[in-house]
Amino acid sequence: MGSVKETQQVHIGLTDKQIDVGLNPEELELVHEGLVLVNAEKEFGFKQAMRSHWRAALWSFALSWALVMEGFDTQLVSRDDASWN
């Protein structure tokens, strides 16, 4: 009997139960391609990830900045001694 690593390679990341569901060979190939791509992205360093996903990083920064500014806004508006002259 093969090792666990060999079994995982044969089943391309799927359990026996998932394979028994009845995926056709084209679907299995698609799952295999997806698994290869996911594993390749997991190996990205910080610079490579930022080059590939700069829009997501910018969106995350903008949303985080908006939440921080909202916190400051509610703190400033609720102050009694704030003057708006």
PDB file of N, CA and C in Angstrom:
ATOM      1  N   MET A   1       0.852  -1.181   0.000  1.00  0.00           N
ATOM      2  CA  MET A   1       0.000   0.000   0.000  1.00  0.00           C
ATOM      3  C   MET A   1       0.884   1.226   0.000  1.00  0.00           C
ATOM      4  N   GLY A   2       0.517   2.266  -0.751  1.00  0.00           N
ATOM      5  CA  GLY A   2       1.302   3.488  -0.877  1.00  0.00           C
ATOM      6  C   GLY A   2       1.183   4.361   0.358  1.00  0.00           C
ATOM      7  N   SER A   3       2.066   5.303   0.443  1.00  0.00           N
ATOM      8  CA  SER A   3       2.043   6.220   1.578  1.00  0.00           C
ATOM      9  C   SER A   3       0.885   7.201   1.426  1.00  0.00           C
ATOM     10  N   VAL A   4       0.651   7.986   2.460  1.00  0.00           N
ATOM     11  CA  VAL A   4      -0.425   8.975   2.437  1.00  0.00           C
ATOM     12  C   VAL A   4      -0.164   9.998   1.338  1.00  0.00           C
ATOM     13  N   LYS A   5       1.095  10.390   1.171  1.00  0.00           N
ATOM     14  CA  LYS A   5       1.445  11.377   0.152  1.00  0.00           C
ATOM     15  C   LYS A   5       1.094  10.864  -1.248  1.00  0.00           C
ATOM     16  N   GLU A   6       1.390   9.602  -1.523  1.00  0.00           N
ATOM     17  CA  GLU A   6       1.065   9.025  -2.826  1.00  0.00           C
ATOM     18  C   GLU A   6      -0.442   8.977  -3.029  1.00  0.00           C
ATOM     19  N   THR A   7      -1.191   8.636  -1.994  1.00  0.00           N
ATOM     20  CA  THR A   7      -2.643   8.573  -2.089  1.00  0.00           C
ATOM     21  C   THR A   7      -3.218   9.944  -2.390  1.00  0.00           C
ATOM     22  N   GLN A   8      -2.703  10.996  -1.761  1.00  0.00           N
ATOM     23  CA  GLN A   8      -3.197  12.343  -2.005  1.00  0.00           C
ATOM     24  C   GLN A   8      -2.906  12.779  -3.435  1.00  0.00           C
ATOM     25  N   GLN A   9      -1.758  12.390  -3.975  1.00  0.00           N
ATOM     26  CA  GLN A   9      -1.434  12.772  -5.340  1.00  0.00           C
ATOM     27  C   GLN A   9      -2.366  12.074  -6.324  1.00  0.00           C
ATOM     28  N   VAL A  10      -2.691  10.832  -6.075  1.00  0.00           N
ATOM     29  CA  VAL A  10      -3.580  10.094  -6.960  1.00  0.00           C
ATOM     30  C   VAL A  10      -4.972  10.717  -6.909  1.00  0.00           C
ATOM     31  N   HIS A  11      -5.420  11.110  -5.747  1.00  0.00           N
ATOM     32  CA  HIS A  11      -6.765  11.641  -5.587  1.00  0.00           C
ATOM     33  C   HIS A  11      -6.815  13.154  -5.721  1.00  0.00           C
ATOM     34  N   ILE A  12      -5.735  13.773  -6.126  1.00  0.00           N
ATOM     35  CA  ILE A  12      -5.643  15.210  -6.376  1.00  0.00           C
ATOM     36  C   ILE A  12      -6.329  16.062  -5.314  1.00  0.00           C
ATOM     37  N   GLY A  13      -6.156  15.730  -4.069  1.00  0.00           N
ATOM     38  CA  GLY A  13      -6.696  16.537  -2.987  1.00  0.00           C
ATOM     39  C   GLY A  13      -8.125  16.217  -2.603  1.00  0.00           C
ATOM     40  N   LEU A  14      -8.712  15.182  -3.176  1.00  0.00           N
ATOM     41  CA  LEU A  14     -10.081  14.814  -2.858  1.00  0.00           C
ATOM     42  C   LEU A  14     -10.104  13.557  -2.000  1.00  0.00           C
ATOM     43  N   THR A  15     -11.132  13.443  -1.176  1.00  0.00           N
ATOM     44  CA  THR A  15     -11.302  12.229  -0.393  1.00  0.00           C
ATOM     45  C   THR A  15     -11.938  11.156  -1.270  1.00  0.00           C
ATOM     46  N   ASP A  16     -11.902   9.929  -0.802  1.00  0.00           N
ATOM     47  CA  ASP A  16     -12.524   8.824  -1.552  1.00  0.00           C
ATOM     48  C   ASP A  16     -14.021   9.069  -1.739  1.00  0.00           C
ATOM     49  N   LYS A  17     -14.661   9.624  -0.717  1.00  0.00           N
ATOM     50  CA  LYS A  17     -16.093   9.877  -0.794  1.00  0.00           C
ATOM     51  C   LYS A  17     -16.408  10.899  -1.888  1.00  0.00           C
ATOM     52  N   GLN A  18     -15.567  11.929  -2.016  1.00  0.00           N
ATOM     53  CA  GLN A  18     -15.791  12.933  -3.050  1.00  0.00           C
ATOM     54  C   GLN A  18     -15.586  12.356  -4.449  1.00  0.00           C
ATOM     55  N   ILE A  19     -14.629  11.464  -4.592  1.00  0.00           N
ATOM     56  CA  ILE A  19     -14.388  10.854  -5.893  1.00  0.00           C
ATOM     57  C   ILE A  19     -15.515   9.888  -6.247  1.00  0.00           C
ATOM     58  N   ASP A  20     -16.069   9.174  -5.262  1.00  0.00           N
ATOM     59  CA  ASP A  20     -17.137   8.216  -5.504  1.00  0.00           C
ATOM     60  C   ASP A  20     -18.447   8.882  -5.928  1.00  0.00           C
ATOM     61  N   VAL A  21     -18.545  10.184  -5.769  1.00  0.00           N
ATOM     62  CA  VAL A  21     -19.766  10.889  -6.162  1.00  0.00           C
ATOM     63  C   VAL A  21     -20.018  10.721  -7.647  1.00  0.00           C
ATOM     64  N   GLY A  22     -18.982  10.561  -8.407  1.00  0.00           N
ATOM     65  CA  GLY A  22     -19.160  10.294  -9.826  1.00  0.00           C
ATOM     66  C   GLY A  22     -18.728  11.439 -10.718  1.00  0.00           C
ATOM     67  N   LEU A  23     -17.626  12.069 -10.405  1.00  0.00           N
ATOM     68  CA  LEU A  23     -17.112  13.103 -11.290  1.00  0.00           C
ATOM     69  C   LEU A  23     -16.592  12.467 -12.559  1.00  0.00           C
ATOM     70  N   ASN A  24     -16.894  13.083 -13.694  1.00  0.00           N
ATOM     71  CA  ASN A  24     -16.372  12.551 -14.943  1.00  0.00           C
ATOM     72  C   ASN A  24     -14.916  13.000 -15.108  1.00  0.00           C
ATOM     73  N   PRO A  25     -14.178  12.426 -16.033  1.00  0.00           N
ATOM     74  CA  PRO A  25     -12.756  12.748 -16.184  1.00  0.00           C
ATOM     75  C   PRO A  25     -12.483  14.224 -16.460  1.00  0.00           C
ATOM     76  N   GLU A  26     -13.375  14.903 -17.190  1.00  0.00           N
ATOM     77  CA  GLU A  26     -13.186  16.325 -17.463  1.00  0.00           C
ATOM     78  C   GLU A  26     -13.279  17.147 -16.186  1.00  0.00           C
ATOM     79  N   GLU A  27     -14.238  16.796 -15.327  1.00  0.00           N
ATOM     80  CA  GLU A  27     -14.381  17.497 -14.059  1.00  0.00           C
ATOM     81  C   GLU A  27     -13.188  17.250 -13.155  1.00  0.00           C
ATOM     82  N   LEU A  28     -12.690  16.005 -13.142  1.00  0.00           N
ATOM     83  CA  LEU A  28     -11.515  15.696 -12.337  1.00  0.00           C
ATOM     84  C   LEU A  28     -10.298  16.485 -12.822  1.00  0.00           C
ATOM     85  N   GLU A  29     -10.159  16.629 -14.130  1.00  0.00           N
ATOM     86  CA  GLU A  29      -9.046  17.410 -14.685  1.00  0.00           C
ATOM     87  C   GLU A  29      -9.169  18.871 -14.276  1.00  0.00           C
ATOM     88  N   LEU A  30     -10.376  19.409 -14.275  1.00  0.00           N
ATOM     89  CA  LEU A  30     -10.605  20.788 -13.863  1.00  0.00           C
ATOM     90  C   LEU A  30     -10.268  20.983 -12.384  1.00  0.00           C
ATOM     91  N   VAL A  31     -10.677  20.027 -11.562  1.00  0.00           N
ATOM     92  CA  VAL A  31     -10.347  20.080 -10.136  1.00  0.00           C
ATOM     93  C   VAL A  31      -8.834  20.018  -9.952  1.00  0.00           C
ATOM     94  N   HIS A  32      -8.176  19.177 -10.722  1.00  0.00           N
ATOM     95  CA  HIS A  32      -6.722  19.055 -10.631  1.00  0.00           C
ATOM     96  C   HIS A  32      -6.041  20.375 -11.012  1.00  0.00           C
ATOM     97  N   GLU A  33      -6.491  21.012 -12.095  1.00  0.00           N
ATOM     98  CA  GLU A  33      -5.919  22.297 -12.507  1.00  0.00           C
ATOM     99  C   GLU A  33      -6.111  23.351 -11.426  1.00  0.00           C
ATOM    100  N   GLY A  34      -7.293  23.375 -10.827  1.00  0.00           N
ATOM    101  CA  GLY A  34      -7.565  24.324  -9.750  1.00  0.00           C
ATOM    102  C   GLY A  34      -6.662  24.100  -8.550  1.00  0.00           C
ATOM    103  N   LEU A  35      -6.461  22.838  -8.201  1.00  0.00           N
ATOM    104  CA  LEU A  35      -5.589  22.508  -7.075  1.00  0.00           C
ATOM    105  C   LEU A  35      -4.149  22.928  -7.344  1.00  0.00           C
ATOM    106  N   VAL A  36      -3.683  22.730  -8.581  1.00  0.00           N
ATOM    107  CA  VAL A  36      -2.321  23.134  -8.952  1.00  0.00           C
ATOM    108  C   VAL A  36      -2.176  24.652  -8.836  1.00  0.00           C
ATOM    109  N   LEU A  37      -3.170  25.400  -9.317  1.00  0.00           N
ATOM    110  CA  LEU A  37      -3.106  26.858  -9.244  1.00  0.00           C
ATOM    111  C   LEU A  37      -3.142  27.360  -7.802  1.00  0.00           C
ATOM    112  N   VAL A  38      -3.986  26.763  -6.992  1.00  0.00           N
ATOM    113  CA  VAL A  38      -4.065  27.166  -5.581  1.00  0.00           C
ATOM    114  C   VAL A  38      -2.732  26.904  -4.877  1.00  0.00           C
ATOM    115  N   ASN A  39      -2.139  25.756  -5.124  1.00  0.00           N
ATOM    116  CA  ASN A  39      -0.853  25.443  -4.505  1.00  0.00           C
ATOM    117  C   ASN A  39       0.238  26.381  -4.995  1.00  0.00           C
ATOM    118  N   ALA A  40       0.190  26.788  -6.264  1.00  0.00           N
ATOM    119  CA  ALA A  40       1.179  27.732  -6.791  1.00  0.00           C
ATOM    120  C   ALA A  40       1.029  29.098  -6.120  1.00  0.00           C
ATOM    121  N   GLU A  41      -0.207  29.553  -5.907  1.00  0.00           N
ATOM    122  CA  GLU A  41      -0.419  30.841  -5.254  1.00  0.00           C
ATOM    123  C   GLU A  41       0.006  30.803  -3.791  1.00  0.00           C
ATOM    124  N   LYS A  42      -0.106  29.661  -3.150  1.00  0.00           N
ATOM    125  CA  LYS A  42       0.324  29.556  -1.756  1.00  0.00           C
ATOM    126  C   LYS A  42       1.826  29.726  -1.622  1.00  0.00           C
ATOM    127  N   GLU A  43       2.570  29.497  -2.693  1.00  0.00           N
ATOM    128  CA  GLU A  43       4.021  29.632  -2.675  1.00  0.00           C
ATOM    129  C   GLU A  43       4.484  31.061  -2.965  1.00  0.00           C
ATOM    130  N   PHE A  44       3.559  31.975  -3.307  1.00  0.00           N
ATOM    131  CA  PHE A  44       3.929  33.359  -3.613  1.00  0.00           C
ATOM    132  C   PHE A  44       4.579  34.014  -2.408  1.00  0.00           C
ATOM    133  N   GLY A  45       5.594  34.828  -2.672  1.00  0.00           N
ATOM    134  CA  GLY A  45       6.146  35.694  -1.647  1.00  0.00           C
ATOM    135  C   GLY A  45       5.308  36.966  -1.581  1.00  0.00           C
ATOM    136  N   PHE A  46       5.672  37.885  -0.680  1.00  0.00           N
ATOM    137  CA  PHE A  46       4.894  39.108  -0.502  1.00  0.00           C
ATOM    138  C   PHE A  46       4.892  39.953  -1.772  1.00  0.00           C
ATOM    139  N   LYS A  47       6.068  40.162  -2.364  1.00  0.00           N
ATOM    140  CA  LYS A  47       6.142  41.008  -3.565  1.00  0.00           C
ATOM    141  C   LYS A  47       5.333  40.422  -4.712  1.00  0.00           C
ATOM    142  N   GLN A  48       5.462  39.137  -4.928  1.00  0.00           N
ATOM    143  CA  GLN A  48       4.746  38.493  -6.022  1.00  0.00           C
ATOM    144  C   GLN A  48       3.237  38.543  -5.785  1.00  0.00           C
ATOM    145  N   ALA A  49       2.818  38.365  -4.532  1.00  0.00           N
ATOM    146  CA  ALA A  49       1.392  38.432  -4.213  1.00  0.00           C
ATOM    147  C   ALA A  49       0.860  39.845  -4.433  1.00  0.00           C
ATOM    148  N   MET A  50       1.641  40.861  -4.069  1.00  0.00           N
ATOM    149  CA  MET A  50       1.207  42.241  -4.274  1.00  0.00           C
ATOM    150  C   MET A  50       1.143  42.573  -5.765  1.00  0.00           C
ATOM    151  N   ARG A  51       2.067  42.051  -6.551  1.00  0.00           N
ATOM    152  CA  ARG A  51       2.013  42.285  -8.000  1.00  0.00           C
ATOM    153  C   ARG A  51       0.797  41.622  -8.625  1.00  0.00           C
ATOM    154  N   SER A  52       0.452  40.451  -8.160  1.00  0.00           N
ATOM    155  CA  SER A  52      -0.675  39.721  -8.733  1.00  0.00           C
ATOM    156  C   SER A  52      -2.024  40.246  -8.243  1.00  0.00           C
ATOM    157  N   HIS A  53      -2.068  40.663  -7.006  1.00  0.00           N
ATOM    158  CA  HIS A  53      -3.353  41.021  -6.387  1.00  0.00           C
ATOM    159  C   HIS A  53      -3.331  42.439  -5.837  1.00  0.00           C
ATOM    160  N   TRP A  54      -2.774  43.394  -6.594  1.00  0.00           N
ATOM    161  CA  TRP A  54      -2.659  44.760  -6.091  1.00  0.00           C
ATOM    162  C   TRP A  54      -4.024  45.419  -5.932  1.00  0.00           C
ATOM    163  N   ARG A  55      -4.983  45.064  -6.768  1.00  0.00           N
ATOM    164  CA  ARG A  55      -6.321  45.656  -6.642  1.00  0.00           C
ATOM    165  C   ARG A  55      -6.982  45.223  -5.324  1.00  0.00           C
ATOM    166  N   ALA A  56      -6.813  43.976  -4.977  1.00  0.00           N
ATOM    167  CA  ALA A  56      -7.389  43.475  -3.720  1.00  0.00           C
ATOM    168  C   ALA A  56      -6.719  44.141  -2.520  1.00  0.00           C
ATOM    169  N   ALA A  57      -5.391  44.330  -2.591  1.00  0.00           N
ATOM    170  CA  ALA A  57      -4.676  44.988  -1.504  1.00  0.00           C
ATOM    171  C   ALA A  57      -5.111  46.446  -1.373  1.00  0.00           C
ATOM    172  N   LEU A  58      -5.296  47.124  -2.503  1.00  0.00           N
ATOM    173  CA  LEU A  58      -5.743  48.512  -2.481  1.00  0.00           C
ATOM    174  C   LEU A  58      -7.157  48.616  -1.921  1.00  0.00           C
ATOM    175  N   TRP A  59      -8.029  47.718  -2.317  1.00  0.00           N
ATOM    176  CA  TRP A  59      -9.395  47.701  -1.797  1.00  0.00           C
ATOM    177  C   TRP A  59      -9.393  47.457  -0.284  1.00  0.00           C
ATOM    178  N   SER A  60      -8.585  46.528   0.172  1.00  0.00           N
ATOM    179  CA  SER A  60      -8.500  46.233   1.600  1.00  0.00           C
ATOM    180  C   SER A  60      -8.002  47.446   2.379  1.00  0.00           C
ATOM    181  N   PHE A  61      -6.981  48.114   1.830  1.00  0.00           N
ATOM    182  CA  PHE A  61      -6.452  49.314   2.488  1.00  0.00           C
ATOM    183  C   PHE A  61      -7.516  50.406   2.552  1.00  0.00           C
ATOM    184  N   ALA A  62      -8.227  50.630   1.443  1.00  0.00           N
ATOM    185  CA  ALA A  62      -9.238  51.684   1.404  1.00  0.00           C
ATOM    186  C   ALA A  62     -10.368  51.405   2.390  1.00  0.00           C
ATOM    187  N   LEU A  63     -10.822  50.177   2.449  1.00  0.00           N
ATOM    188  CA  LEU A  63     -11.899  49.821   3.370  1.00  0.00           C
ATOM    189  C   LEU A  63     -11.442  49.961   4.820  1.00  0.00           C
ATOM    190  N   SER A  64     -10.237  49.521   5.116  1.00  0.00           N
ATOM    191  CA  SER A  64      -9.705  49.655   6.473  1.00  0.00           C
ATOM    192  C   SER A  64      -9.568  51.122   6.848  1.00  0.00           C
ATOM    193  N   TRP A  65      -9.073  51.927   5.913  1.00  0.00           N
ATOM    194  CA  TRP A  65      -8.902  53.365   6.178  1.00  0.00           C
ATOM    195  C   TRP A  65     -10.255  54.019   6.423  1.00  0.00           C
ATOM    196  N   ALA A  66     -11.281  53.643   5.660  1.00  0.00           N
ATOM    197  CA  ALA A  66     -12.622  54.197   5.842  1.00  0.00           C
ATOM    198  C   ALA A  66     -13.170  53.848   7.226  1.00  0.00           C
ATOM    199  N   LEU A  67     -12.923  52.625   7.668  1.00  0.00           N
ATOM    200  CA  LEU A  67     -13.400  52.232   9.006  1.00  0.00           C
ATOM    201  C   LEU A  67     -12.692  53.009  10.111  1.00  0.00           C
ATOM    202  N   VAL A  68     -11.401  53.227   9.945  1.00  0.00           N
ATOM    203  CA  VAL A  68     -10.658  54.011  10.934  1.00  0.00           C
ATOM    204  C   VAL A  68     -11.175  55.446  10.962  1.00  0.00           C
ATOM    205  N   MET A  69     -11.380  56.029   9.786  1.00  0.00           N
ATOM    206  CA  MET A  69     -11.879  57.408   9.724  1.00  0.00           C
ATOM    207  C   MET A  69     -13.290  57.513  10.287  1.00  0.00           C
ATOM    208  N   GLU A  70     -14.108  56.513  10.103  1.00  0.00           N
ATOM    209  CA  GLU A  70     -15.449  56.509  10.684  1.00  0.00           C
ATOM    210  C   GLU A  70     -15.363  56.523  12.212  1.00  0.00           C
ATOM    211  N   GLY A  71     -14.420  55.779  12.756  1.00  0.00           N
ATOM    212  CA  GLY A  71     -14.220  55.788  14.203  1.00  0.00           C
ATOM    213  C   GLY A  71     -13.808  57.158  14.708  1.00  0.00           C
ATOM    214  N   PHE A  72     -12.923  57.847  13.989  1.00  0.00           N
ATOM    215  CA  PHE A  72     -12.532  59.198  14.386  1.00  0.00           C
ATOM    216  C   PHE A  72     -13.690  60.165  14.238  1.00  0.00           C
ATOM    217  N   ASP A  73     -14.498  60.006  13.198  1.00  0.00           N
ATOM    218  CA  ASP A  73     -15.626  60.895  12.960  1.00  0.00           C
ATOM    219  C   ASP A  73     -16.622  60.824  14.108  1.00  0.00           C
ATOM    220  N   THR A  74     -16.997  59.629  14.526  1.00  0.00           N
ATOM    221  CA  THR A  74     -17.966  59.503  15.612  1.00  0.00           C
ATOM    222  C   THR A  74     -17.389  60.032  16.920  1.00  0.00           C
ATOM    223  N   GLN A  75     -16.091  59.931  17.094  1.00  0.00           N
ATOM    224  CA  GLN A  75     -15.456  60.442  18.310  1.00  0.00           C
ATOM    225  C   GLN A  75     -15.464  61.972  18.301  1.00  0.00           C
ATOM    226  N   LEU A  76     -15.200  62.578  17.166  1.00  0.00           N
ATOM    227  CA  LEU A  76     -15.174  64.036  17.083  1.00  0.00           C
ATOM    228  C   LEU A  76     -16.566  64.644  17.188  1.00  0.00           C
ATOM    229  N   VAL A  77     -17.543  64.046  16.530  1.00  0.00           N
ATOM    230  CA  VAL A  77     -18.893  64.593  16.532  1.00  0.00           C
ATOM    231  C   VAL A  77     -19.522  64.481  17.917  1.00  0.00           C
ATOM    232  N   SER A  78     -19.180  63.456  18.654  1.00  0.00           N
ATOM    233  CA  SER A  78     -19.804  63.264  19.961  1.00  0.00           C
ATOM    234  C   SER A  78     -19.176  64.125  21.054  1.00  0.00           C
ATOM    235  N   ARG A  79     -18.077  64.789  20.772  1.00  0.00           N
ATOM    236  CA  ARG A  79     -17.439  65.637  21.795  1.00  0.00           C
ATOM    237  C   ARG A  79     -18.273  66.876  22.046  1.00  0.00           C
ATOM    238  N   ASP A  80     -18.449  67.242  23.313  1.00  0.00           N
ATOM    239  CA  ASP A  80     -19.248  68.410  23.687  1.00  0.00           C
ATOM    240  C   ASP A  80     -18.504  69.702  23.410  1.00  0.00           C
ATOM    241  N   ASP A  81     -17.189  69.693  23.535  1.00  0.00           N
ATOM    242  CA  ASP A  81     -16.433  70.931  23.415  1.00  0.00           C
ATOM    243  C   ASP A  81     -15.938  71.200  21.983  1.00  0.00           C
ATOM    244  N   ALA A  82     -16.412  70.439  21.024  1.00  0.00           N
ATOM    245  CA  ALA A  82     -16.002  70.657  19.635  1.00  0.00           C
ATOM    246  C   ALA A  82     -16.697  71.906  19.115  1.00  0.00           C
ATOM    247  N   SER A  83     -15.928  72.809  18.590  1.00  0.00           N
ATOM    248  CA  SER A  83     -16.527  74.038  18.036  1.00  0.00           C
ATOM    249  C   SER A  83     -16.373  74.010  16.533  1.00  0.00           C
ATOM    250  N   TRP A  84     -17.412  74.400  15.850  1.00  0.00           N
ATOM    251  CA  TRP A  84     -17.414  74.373  14.387  1.00  0.00           C
ATOM    252  C   TRP A  84     -17.519  75.785  13.842  1.00  0.00           C
ATOM    253  N   ASN A  85     -16.911  76.772  14.519  1.00  0.00           N
ATOM    254  CA  ASN A  85     -16.971  78.176  14.074  1.00  0.00           C
ATOM    255  C   ASN A  85     -16.075  78.416  12.925  1.00  0.00           C
TER     256      ASN A  85
END
